[in-house]
Amino acid sequence: MRRLNRNYRSQDYATDVLSFTYDADRAAGEPLLGEVVIAPAVAAAQARRFHTNAETEMRRLLVHGILHLLGYDHETDRGEMNRLQAELMRKTSRTFHGMIWHDS
């Protein structure tokens, strides 16, 4: 994850989540938005730091990554992405409650 972050964002540290859009495919009419890459070790450390569980943190990172694929940018949107992320987390907590995440 550190290598991906360095190569694609010029940031030399292991980040928690990265999103890669498939702009060419979207222009060609393909339904693919892109890829979301999550670093499980970073997510687990953040879960401990935020006093939550790993499942909730992985879900938060997935929602975060998908919002980036949809064009949201928390660094420039005056909190719009963060508000939407919080709303989606509330709504999805019922859907994912009790689900077990597995490493593949």
Protein backbone atom coordinates (compact mmCIF):
# COMPACT_ATOMS: atom_id res chain seq x y z
CA MET A 1 0.00 0.00 0.00
CA ARG A 2 2.90 2.29 0.71
CA ARG A 3 4.27 1.63 -2.77
CA LEU A 4 0.89 2.32 -4.40
CA ASN A 5 0.52 5.53 -2.42
CA ARG A 6 4.03 6.63 -3.37
CA ASN A 7 3.63 5.73 -7.07
CA TYR A 8 0.17 7.21 -7.60
CA ARG A 9 -0.04 10.02 -5.04
CA SER A 10 3.63 10.83 -4.34
CA GLN A 11 3.00 10.19 -0.65
CA ASP A 12 5.59 7.91 0.99
CA TYR A 13 3.52 6.17 3.66
CA ALA A 14 1.04 3.31 3.90
CA THR A 15 -2.38 4.87 3.63
CA ASP A 16 -5.65 3.20 4.61
CA VAL A 17 -7.56 3.27 1.30
CA LEU A 18 -6.90 4.18 -2.32
CA SER A 19 -9.37 4.50 -5.17
CA PHE A 20 -8.48 4.10 -8.82
CA THR A 21 -11.05 5.26 -11.35
CA TYR A 22 -11.64 3.64 -14.72
CA ASP A 23 -12.30 6.83 -16.65
CA ALA A 24 -11.65 5.31 -20.08
CA ASP A 25 -14.09 2.44 -19.41
CA ARG A 26 -16.76 4.82 -18.12
CA ALA A 27 -16.44 6.91 -21.26
CA ALA A 28 -16.88 3.75 -23.35
CA GLY A 29 -20.15 3.00 -21.56
CA GLU A 30 -18.81 0.31 -19.23
CA PRO A 31 -20.46 0.24 -15.80
CA LEU A 32 -17.17 -0.08 -13.89
CA LEU A 33 -16.28 2.80 -11.60
CA GLY A 34 -12.83 1.55 -10.65
CA GLU A 35 -11.05 -0.22 -7.82
CA VAL A 36 -10.89 0.37 -4.09
CA VAL A 37 -7.79 -0.95 -2.33
CA ILE A 38 -7.88 -1.19 1.48
CA ALA A 39 -4.88 -1.90 3.72
CA PRO A 40 -6.21 -4.32 6.37
CA ALA A 41 -3.32 -3.73 8.79
CA VAL A 42 -3.81 0.04 8.65
CA ALA A 43 -7.57 -0.42 9.02
CA ALA A 44 -7.09 -2.62 12.10
CA ALA A 45 -4.76 -0.06 13.70
CA GLN A 46 -7.25 2.71 12.98
CA ALA A 47 -10.09 0.65 14.46
CA ARG A 48 -8.13 0.39 17.71
CA ARG A 49 -7.31 4.12 17.63
CA PHE A 50 -10.96 5.08 16.92
CA HIS A 51 -12.28 2.61 19.55
CA THR A 52 -14.33 0.66 17.04
CA ASN A 53 -14.08 -2.79 15.51
CA ALA A 54 -12.26 -3.83 12.35
CA GLU A 55 -15.52 -4.61 10.51
CA THR A 56 -16.83 -1.07 11.01
CA GLU A 57 -13.53 0.46 9.97
CA MET A 58 -13.33 -1.69 6.82
CA ARG A 59 -16.89 -0.67 5.94
CA ARG A 60 -16.01 3.00 6.52
CA LEU A 61 -13.00 2.72 4.23
CA LEU A 62 -15.03 0.95 1.55
CA VAL A 63 -17.69 3.68 1.64
CA HIS A 64 -14.93 6.31 1.58
CA GLY A 65 -13.25 4.71 -1.43
CA ILE A 66 -16.52 4.37 -3.36
CA LEU A 67 -17.36 8.01 -2.74
CA HIS A 68 -13.99 8.95 -4.24
CA LEU A 69 -14.82 6.80 -7.28
CA LEU A 70 -18.07 8.76 -7.61
CA GLY A 71 -16.09 12.00 -7.74
CA TYR A 72 -16.29 13.27 -4.17
CA ASP A 73 -13.19 14.91 -2.67
CA HIS A 74 -13.12 15.63 1.07
CA GLU A 75 -10.14 17.91 0.62
CA THR A 76 -12.07 20.41 -1.50
CA ASP A 77 -15.81 19.95 -0.97
CA ARG A 78 -16.38 21.79 2.33
CA GLY A 79 -17.46 18.67 4.17
CA GLU A 80 -19.96 17.31 1.62
CA MET A 81 -18.20 13.95 1.29
CA ASN A 82 -17.80 13.56 5.05
CA ARG A 83 -21.50 14.27 5.64
CA LEU A 84 -22.54 11.77 2.96
CA GLN A 85 -20.10 9.19 4.32
CA ALA A 86 -21.55 9.57 7.83
CA GLU A 87 -25.09 9.20 6.47
CA LEU A 88 -24.16 6.09 4.49
CA MET A 89 -22.43 4.59 7.51
CA ARG A 90 -25.60 5.06 9.56
CA LYS A 91 -27.75 3.52 6.83
CA THR A 92 -25.43 0.58 6.15
CA SER A 93 -24.87 -0.29 9.80
CA ARG A 94 -28.15 -2.22 9.77
CA THR A 95 -27.26 -4.00 6.53
CA PHE A 96 -23.78 -5.09 7.59
CA HIS A 97 -24.45 -5.65 11.29
CA GLY A 98 -23.03 -9.03 12.22
CA MET A 99 -21.35 -9.67 8.88
CA ILE A 100 -17.93 -11.27 9.16
CA TRP A 101 -15.18 -9.96 6.91
CA HIS A 102 -12.68 -12.52 5.70
CA ASP A 103 -9.20 -12.10 4.25
CA SER A 104 -8.92 -13.76 0.87
